[in-house]
Amino acid sequence: MNSELIERITKLMKDKNILQKDLVNEMKCSKGYISGVCNGTKPPSEKFINSLSKLSGKSVHWILYGKEDGDDIDTLNSVINLYIENELITSV
């Protein structure tokens, strides 16, 4: 199991004061499942990630990868601009 994902989930829940029972109520699932996800013994389902996103206000992409979806595009654009400025490429 991806320990970084589990750490991100538990930190997000702590930072946003989201309790396990909040996810149980949102998902209509067992406390055992939520507990299993939070301690890393069960993989988070798509429904879990979507519910956490809804309760926390963080994007699904951020929950899964620790960065927003546009971060990679911004980085790529910065690299392209650097190459253009240094005349290593002439057009995109």
C-alpha atoms as a PDB file:
ATOM      1  CA  MET A   1       0.000   0.000   0.000  1.00  0.00           C
ATOM      2  CA  ASN A   2       1.209   3.522  -0.772  1.00  0.00           C
ATOM      3  CA  SER A   3       2.324   4.868   2.608  1.00  0.00           C
ATOM      4  CA  GLU A   4       2.588   8.431   1.249  1.00  0.00           C
ATOM      5  CA  LEU A   5      -1.076   8.322   0.236  1.00  0.00           C
ATOM      6  CA  ILE A   6      -2.129   7.053   3.672  1.00  0.00           C
ATOM      7  CA  GLU A   7      -0.021   9.724   5.382  1.00  0.00           C
ATOM      8  CA  ARG A   8      -1.566  12.399   3.147  1.00  0.00           C
ATOM      9  CA  ILE A   9      -5.079  11.132   3.921  1.00  0.00           C
ATOM     10  CA  THR A  10      -4.552  11.035   7.690  1.00  0.00           C
ATOM     11  CA  LYS A  11      -2.824  14.440   7.736  1.00  0.00           C
ATOM     12  CA  LEU A  12      -5.601  15.967   5.636  1.00  0.00           C
ATOM     13  CA  MET A  13      -8.235  14.522   7.951  1.00  0.00           C
ATOM     14  CA  LYS A  14      -6.392  15.905  10.982  1.00  0.00           C
ATOM     15  CA  ASP A  15      -5.808  19.336   9.409  1.00  0.00           C
ATOM     16  CA  LYS A  16      -9.458  19.671   8.337  1.00  0.00           C
ATOM     17  CA  ASN A  17     -10.874  18.120  11.553  1.00  0.00           C
ATOM     18  CA  ILE A  18     -12.527  15.318   9.598  1.00  0.00           C
ATOM     19  CA  LEU A  19     -13.318  12.424  11.897  1.00  0.00           C
ATOM     20  CA  GLN A  20     -13.637   8.823  10.800  1.00  0.00           C
ATOM     21  CA  LYS A  21     -17.326   8.981  11.739  1.00  0.00           C
ATOM     22  CA  ASP A  22     -17.748  11.898   9.292  1.00  0.00           C
ATOM     23  CA  LEU A  23     -16.577   9.627   6.472  1.00  0.00           C
ATOM     24  CA  VAL A  24     -18.738   6.765   7.747  1.00  0.00           C
ATOM     25  CA  ASN A  25     -21.775   9.066   7.573  1.00  0.00           C
ATOM     26  CA  GLU A  26     -20.816  10.505   4.178  1.00  0.00           C
ATOM     27  CA  MET A  27     -20.087   7.112   2.604  1.00  0.00           C
ATOM     28  CA  LYS A  28     -22.704   5.053   4.443  1.00  0.00           C
ATOM     29  CA  CYS A  29     -20.097   2.401   5.177  1.00  0.00           C
ATOM     30  CA  SER A  30     -18.633   0.632   8.190  1.00  0.00           C
ATOM     31  CA  LYS A  31     -16.301   2.243  10.684  1.00  0.00           C
ATOM     32  CA  GLY A  32     -14.047  -0.799  10.206  1.00  0.00           C
ATOM     33  CA  TYR A  33     -13.509   0.064   6.549  1.00  0.00           C
ATOM     34  CA  ILE A  34     -12.622   3.703   7.308  1.00  0.00           C
ATOM     35  CA  SER A  35     -10.344   2.609  10.140  1.00  0.00           C
ATOM     36  CA  GLY A  36      -8.653   0.132   7.799  1.00  0.00           C
ATOM     37  CA  VAL A  37      -7.985   2.828   5.213  1.00  0.00           C
ATOM     38  CA  CYS A  38      -6.641   5.225   7.841  1.00  0.00           C
ATOM     39  CA  ASN A  39      -4.251   2.648   9.305  1.00  0.00           C
ATOM     40  CA  GLY A  40      -3.165   1.392   5.890  1.00  0.00           C
ATOM     41  CA  THR A  41      -4.611  -2.130   5.969  1.00  0.00           C
ATOM     42  CA  LYS A  42      -7.309  -1.445   3.345  1.00  0.00           C
ATOM     43  CA  PRO A  43      -6.933   0.458   0.089  1.00  0.00           C
ATOM     44  CA  PRO A  44      -9.006   3.624  -0.257  1.00  0.00           C
ATOM     45  CA  SER A  45     -11.829   3.188  -2.737  1.00  0.00           C
ATOM     46  CA  GLU A  46     -12.830   5.737  -5.347  1.00  0.00           C
ATOM     47  CA  LYS A  47     -15.881   6.481  -3.181  1.00  0.00           C
ATOM     48  CA  PHE A  48     -13.600   7.089  -0.173  1.00  0.00           C
ATOM     49  CA  ILE A  49     -11.356   9.493  -2.119  1.00  0.00           C
ATOM     50  CA  ASN A  50     -14.363  11.349  -3.554  1.00  0.00           C
ATOM     51  CA  SER A  51     -15.989  11.646  -0.116  1.00  0.00           C
ATOM     52  CA  LEU A  52     -12.768  12.907   1.458  1.00  0.00           C
ATOM     53  CA  SER A  53     -12.424  15.420  -1.367  1.00  0.00           C
ATOM     54  CA  LYS A  54     -15.971  16.652  -0.773  1.00  0.00           C
ATOM     55  CA  LEU A  55     -15.501  16.970   2.993  1.00  0.00           C
ATOM     56  CA  SER A  56     -12.044  18.553   2.835  1.00  0.00           C
ATOM     57  CA  GLY A  57     -12.347  20.808  -0.201  1.00  0.00           C
ATOM     58  CA  LYS A  58      -9.125  19.299  -1.642  1.00  0.00           C
ATOM     59  CA  SER A  59      -9.117  17.926  -5.176  1.00  0.00           C
ATOM     60  CA  VAL A  60      -9.065  14.197  -5.846  1.00  0.00           C
ATOM     61  CA  HIS A  61      -5.793  14.714  -7.731  1.00  0.00           C
ATOM     62  CA  TRP A  62      -4.213  16.385  -4.692  1.00  0.00           C
ATOM     63  CA  ILE A  63      -5.349  13.561  -2.401  1.00  0.00           C
ATOM     64  CA  LEU A  64      -3.937  10.919  -4.742  1.00  0.00           C
ATOM     65  CA  TYR A  65      -0.698  12.629  -5.774  1.00  0.00           C
ATOM     66  CA  GLY A  66       0.006  15.428  -3.267  1.00  0.00           C
ATOM     67  CA  LYS A  67      -0.164  18.163  -5.884  1.00  0.00           C
ATOM     68  CA  GLU A  68      -2.775  19.861  -7.964  1.00  0.00           C
ATOM     69  CA  ASP A  69      -3.452  18.706 -11.493  1.00  0.00           C
ATOM     70  CA  GLY A  70      -2.003  21.838 -13.105  1.00  0.00           C
ATOM     71  CA  ASP A  71       1.322  21.612 -11.271  1.00  0.00           C
ATOM     72  CA  ASP A  72       2.885  19.437 -13.967  1.00  0.00           C
ATOM     73  CA  ILE A  73       1.701  21.744 -16.755  1.00  0.00           C
ATOM     74  CA  ASP A  74       3.134  24.799 -14.987  1.00  0.00           C
ATOM     75  CA  THR A  75       6.465  23.050 -14.538  1.00  0.00           C
ATOM     76  CA  LEU A  76       6.534  21.986 -18.186  1.00  0.00           C
ATOM     77  CA  ASN A  77       5.707  25.523 -19.327  1.00  0.00           C
ATOM     78  CA  SER A  78       8.524  26.906 -17.169  1.00  0.00           C
ATOM     79  CA  VAL A  79      11.007  24.489 -18.731  1.00  0.00           C
ATOM     80  CA  ILE A  80       9.814  25.301 -22.249  1.00  0.00           C
ATOM     81  CA  ASN A  81      10.127  29.035 -21.563  1.00  0.00           C
ATOM     82  CA  LEU A  82      13.638  28.525 -20.211  1.00  0.00           C
ATOM     83  CA  TYR A  83      14.633  26.675 -23.387  1.00  0.00           C
ATOM     84  CA  ILE A  84      13.111  29.403 -25.564  1.00  0.00           C
ATOM     85  CA  GLU A  85      14.834  32.180 -23.597  1.00  0.00           C
ATOM     86  CA  ASN A  86      18.170  30.394 -23.979  1.00  0.00           C
ATOM     87  CA  GLU A  87      17.469  29.830 -27.675  1.00  0.00           C
ATOM     88  CA  LEU A  88      17.746  26.076 -27.288  1.00  0.00           C
ATOM     89  CA  ILE A  89      14.435  25.790 -29.142  1.00  0.00           C
ATOM     90  CA  THR A  90      12.849  28.355 -31.403  1.00  0.00           C
ATOM     91  CA  SER A  91       9.165  27.502 -31.208  1.00  0.00           C
ATOM     92  CA  VAL A  92       6.742  25.249 -29.474  1.00  0.00           C
END
